[in-house]
C-alpha atoms as a PDB file:
ATOM      1  CA  UNK A   1       0.000   0.000   0.000  1.00  0.00           C
ATOM      2  CA  UNK A   2       1.436   3.372  -1.037  1.00  0.00           C
ATOM      3  CA  UNK A   3      -0.019   5.983   1.282  1.00  0.00           C
ATOM      4  CA  UNK A   4      -3.767   5.402   1.247  1.00  0.00           C
ATOM      5  CA  UNK A   5      -3.784   3.871  -2.240  1.00  0.00           C
ATOM      6  CA  UNK A   6      -4.007   0.176  -2.947  1.00  0.00           C
ATOM      7  CA  UNK A   7      -1.880  -1.145  -5.793  1.00  0.00           C
ATOM      8  CA  UNK A   8      -3.624  -3.638  -8.053  1.00  0.00           C
ATOM      9  CA  UNK A   9      -0.825  -5.342 -10.010  1.00  0.00           C
ATOM     10  CA  UNK A  10      -3.265  -6.697 -12.600  1.00  0.00           C
ATOM     11  CA  UNK A  11      -4.653  -3.212 -13.280  1.00  0.00           C
ATOM     12  CA  UNK A  12      -1.147  -1.742 -13.511  1.00  0.00           C
ATOM     13  CA  UNK A  13      -0.081  -4.498 -15.905  1.00  0.00           C
ATOM     14  CA  UNK A  14      -3.209  -3.946 -18.011  1.00  0.00           C
ATOM     15  CA  UNK A  15      -2.366  -0.245 -18.262  1.00  0.00           C
ATOM     16  CA  UNK A  16       1.245  -1.054 -19.161  1.00  0.00           C
ATOM     17  CA  UNK A  17      -0.048  -3.407 -21.876  1.00  0.00           C
ATOM     18  CA  UNK A  18      -2.335  -0.654 -23.140  1.00  0.00           C
ATOM     19  CA  UNK A  19       0.647   1.700 -23.374  1.00  0.00           C
ATOM     20  CA  UNK A  20       2.682  -0.920 -25.226  1.00  0.00           C
ATOM     21  CA  UNK A  21      -0.172  -1.414 -27.704  1.00  0.00           C
ATOM     22  CA  UNK A  22      -0.501   2.347 -28.150  1.00  0.00           C
ATOM     23  CA  UNK A  23       3.228   2.542 -28.807  1.00  0.00           C
ATOM     24  CA  UNK A  24       3.027  -0.210 -31.448  1.00  0.00           C
ATOM     25  CA  UNK A  25       0.206   1.604 -33.235  1.00  0.00           C
ATOM     26  CA  UNK A  26       2.071   4.887 -32.993  1.00  0.00           C
ATOM     27  CA  UNK A  27       5.114   3.243 -34.593  1.00  0.00           C
ATOM     28  CA  UNK A  28       2.935   2.178 -37.526  1.00  0.00           C
ATOM     29  CA  UNK A  29       1.687   5.733 -37.943  1.00  0.00           C
ATOM     30  CA  UNK A  30       5.227   7.098 -37.642  1.00  0.00           C
ATOM     31  CA  UNK A  31       6.488   4.731 -40.344  1.00  0.00           C
ATOM     32  CA  UNK A  32       3.748   5.882 -42.679  1.00  0.00           C
ATOM     33  CA  UNK A  33       4.245   9.568 -41.896  1.00  0.00           C
ATOM     34  CA  UNK A  34       8.029   9.428 -42.205  1.00  0.00           C
ATOM     35  CA  UNK A  35       7.774   8.721 -45.914  1.00  0.00           C
ATOM     36  CA  UNK A  36       4.490  10.123 -47.188  1.00  0.00           C
ATOM     37  CA  UNK A  37       3.227   8.597 -50.393  1.00  0.00           C
ATOM     38  CA  UNK A  38       1.649  11.890 -51.429  1.00  0.00           C
ATOM     39  CA  UNK A  39       3.480  14.027 -53.924  1.00  0.00           C
ATOM     40  CA  UNK A  40       3.015  17.628 -54.942  1.00  0.00           C
ATOM     41  CA  UNK A  41       1.129  16.502 -58.040  1.00  0.00           C
ATOM     42  CA  UNK A  42      -1.339  14.409 -55.994  1.00  0.00           C
ATOM     43  CA  UNK A  43      -2.665  17.486 -54.199  1.00  0.00           C
ATOM     44  CA  UNK A  44      -4.388  18.990 -57.226  1.00  0.00           C
ATOM     45  CA  UNK A  45      -4.263  22.331 -58.957  1.00  0.00           C
ATOM     46  CA  UNK A  46      -5.206  24.391 -55.909  1.00  0.00           C
ATOM     47  CA  UNK A  47      -2.403  22.938 -53.758  1.00  0.00           C
ATOM     48  CA  UNK A  48       0.161  22.522 -56.536  1.00  0.00           C
ATOM     49  CA  UNK A  49       2.354  25.406 -55.403  1.00  0.00           C
ATOM     50  CA  UNK A  50       2.180  24.483 -51.711  1.00  0.00           C
ATOM     51  CA  UNK A  51       2.309  20.730 -52.247  1.00  0.00           C
ATOM     52  CA  UNK A  52       6.047  20.307 -51.711  1.00  0.00           C
ATOM     53  CA  UNK A  53       5.933  22.375 -48.527  1.00  0.00           C
ATOM     54  CA  UNK A  54       2.954  20.326 -47.304  1.00  0.00           C
ATOM     55  CA  UNK A  55       4.703  17.009 -47.970  1.00  0.00           C
ATOM     56  CA  UNK A  56       7.857  18.232 -46.205  1.00  0.00           C
ATOM     57  CA  UNK A  57       5.895  19.550 -43.220  1.00  0.00           C
ATOM     58  CA  UNK A  58       3.932  16.303 -43.006  1.00  0.00           C
ATOM     59  CA  UNK A  59       7.107  14.235 -42.833  1.00  0.00           C
ATOM     60  CA  UNK A  60       8.474  16.463 -40.043  1.00  0.00           C
ATOM     61  CA  UNK A  61       5.862  14.971 -37.703  1.00  0.00           C
ATOM     62  CA  UNK A  62       7.710  11.625 -37.702  1.00  0.00           C
ATOM     63  CA  UNK A  63      10.458  12.622 -35.217  1.00  0.00           C
ATOM     64  CA  UNK A  64       7.848  13.889 -32.746  1.00  0.00           C
ATOM     65  CA  UNK A  65       5.896  10.660 -33.082  1.00  0.00           C
ATOM     66  CA  UNK A  66       9.132   8.740 -32.517  1.00  0.00           C
ATOM     67  CA  UNK A  67       9.803  10.703 -29.333  1.00  0.00           C
ATOM     68  CA  UNK A  68       6.251  10.083 -28.128  1.00  0.00           C
ATOM     69  CA  UNK A  69       6.613   6.395 -28.898  1.00  0.00           C
ATOM     70  CA  UNK A  70       9.841   6.210 -26.880  1.00  0.00           C
ATOM     71  CA  UNK A  71       8.150   8.022 -24.001  1.00  0.00           C
ATOM     72  CA  UNK A  72       5.233   5.571 -23.995  1.00  0.00           C
ATOM     73  CA  UNK A  73       7.708   2.707 -23.907  1.00  0.00           C
ATOM     74  CA  UNK A  74       9.574   4.286 -20.998  1.00  0.00           C
ATOM     75  CA  UNK A  75       6.375   4.929 -19.021  1.00  0.00           C
ATOM     76  CA  UNK A  76       5.177   1.370 -19.632  1.00  0.00           C
ATOM     77  CA  UNK A  77       8.509  -0.095 -18.517  1.00  0.00           C
ATOM     78  CA  UNK A  78       8.729   2.061 -15.397  1.00  0.00           C
ATOM     79  CA  UNK A  79       5.094   1.413 -14.511  1.00  0.00           C
ATOM     80  CA  UNK A  80       5.624  -2.339 -14.689  1.00  0.00           C
ATOM     81  CA  UNK A  81       8.863  -2.129 -12.700  1.00  0.00           C
ATOM     82  CA  UNK A  82       7.186   0.027 -10.054  1.00  0.00           C
ATOM     83  CA  UNK A  83       4.294  -2.406  -9.695  1.00  0.00           C
ATOM     84  CA  UNK A  84       6.717  -5.343  -9.456  1.00  0.00           C
ATOM     85  CA  UNK A  85       8.689  -3.519  -6.776  1.00  0.00           C
ATOM     86  CA  UNK A  86       5.516  -2.695  -4.843  1.00  0.00           C
ATOM     87  CA  UNK A  87       4.315  -6.307  -4.985  1.00  0.00           C
ATOM     88  CA  UNK A  88       7.747  -7.602  -3.923  1.00  0.00           C
ATOM     89  CA  UNK A  89       7.807  -5.166  -0.990  1.00  0.00           C
ATOM     90  CA  UNK A  90       4.338  -6.168   0.114  1.00  0.00           C
ATOM     91  CA  UNK A  91       5.246  -9.861  -0.130  1.00  0.00           C
ATOM     92  CA  UNK A  92       8.356  -9.268   1.984  1.00  0.00           C
ATOM     93  CA  UNK A  93       6.355  -7.366   4.601  1.00  0.00           C
ATOM     94  CA  UNK A  94       3.667 -10.029   4.652  1.00  0.00           C
ATOM     95  CA  UNK A  95       6.339 -12.695   5.189  1.00  0.00           C
ATOM     96  CA  UNK A  96       7.774 -10.734   8.122  1.00  0.00           C
ATOM     97  CA  UNK A  97       4.329 -10.298   9.695  1.00  0.00           C
ATOM     98  CA  UNK A  98       3.566 -13.981   9.215  1.00  0.00           C
ATOM     99  CA  UNK A  99       6.845 -14.865  10.941  1.00  0.00           C
ATOM    100  CA  UNK A 100       6.044 -12.563  13.868  1.00  0.00           C
ATOM    101  CA  UNK A 101       2.500 -13.949  14.144  1.00  0.00           C
ATOM    102  CA  UNK A 102       3.907 -17.481  14.238  1.00  0.00           C
ATOM    103  CA  UNK A 103       6.225 -16.514  17.080  1.00  0.00           C
ATOM    104  CA  UNK A 104       9.343 -16.881  14.985  1.00  0.00           C
ATOM    105  CA  UNK A 105      10.730 -13.410  15.572  1.00  0.00           C
ATOM    106  CA  UNK A 106      14.152 -14.136  16.974  1.00  0.00           C
ATOM    107  CA  UNK A 107      15.507 -10.650  16.440  1.00  0.00           C
ATOM    108  CA  UNK A 108      13.536  -8.749  19.047  1.00  0.00           C
ATOM    109  CA  UNK A 109      14.910  -5.305  19.780  1.00  0.00           C
ATOM    110  CA  UNK A 110      16.540  -4.983  23.160  1.00  0.00           C
ATOM    111  CA  UNK A 111      15.802  -2.122  25.480  1.00  0.00           C
ATOM    112  CA  UNK A 112      18.955  -0.070  25.931  1.00  0.00           C
ATOM    113  CA  UNK A 113      17.280   2.842  27.644  1.00  0.00           C
ATOM    114  CA  UNK A 114      17.309   0.997  30.956  1.00  0.00           C
ATOM    115  CA  UNK A 115      13.839   2.318  31.669  1.00  0.00           C
ATOM    116  CA  UNK A 116      11.511  -0.622  31.502  1.00  0.00           C
END
């Protein structure tokens, strides 16, 4: 438990999977945008003069999509690692509590204050 929030590993993993799927789809879009199949001539008479500029501007989106894709991958990886760490910590704590409940705590703190 982190603060007052419960961590549901299955929900976190589902979200990480969603991000990975989004990244895969984004990579497909980026591949298509990086090399547009549209040429200046395809845009018709009205766009003929601006067609080359449009095609160049369209292909400039690809690096931004690549950066977004890398960010989604990083978030997904860190989210999964964080959930794994949380689950491992909770399992360790549960094991310690189970040991104490069973009376197996052999490392009881000693009182060095001399008070009680």
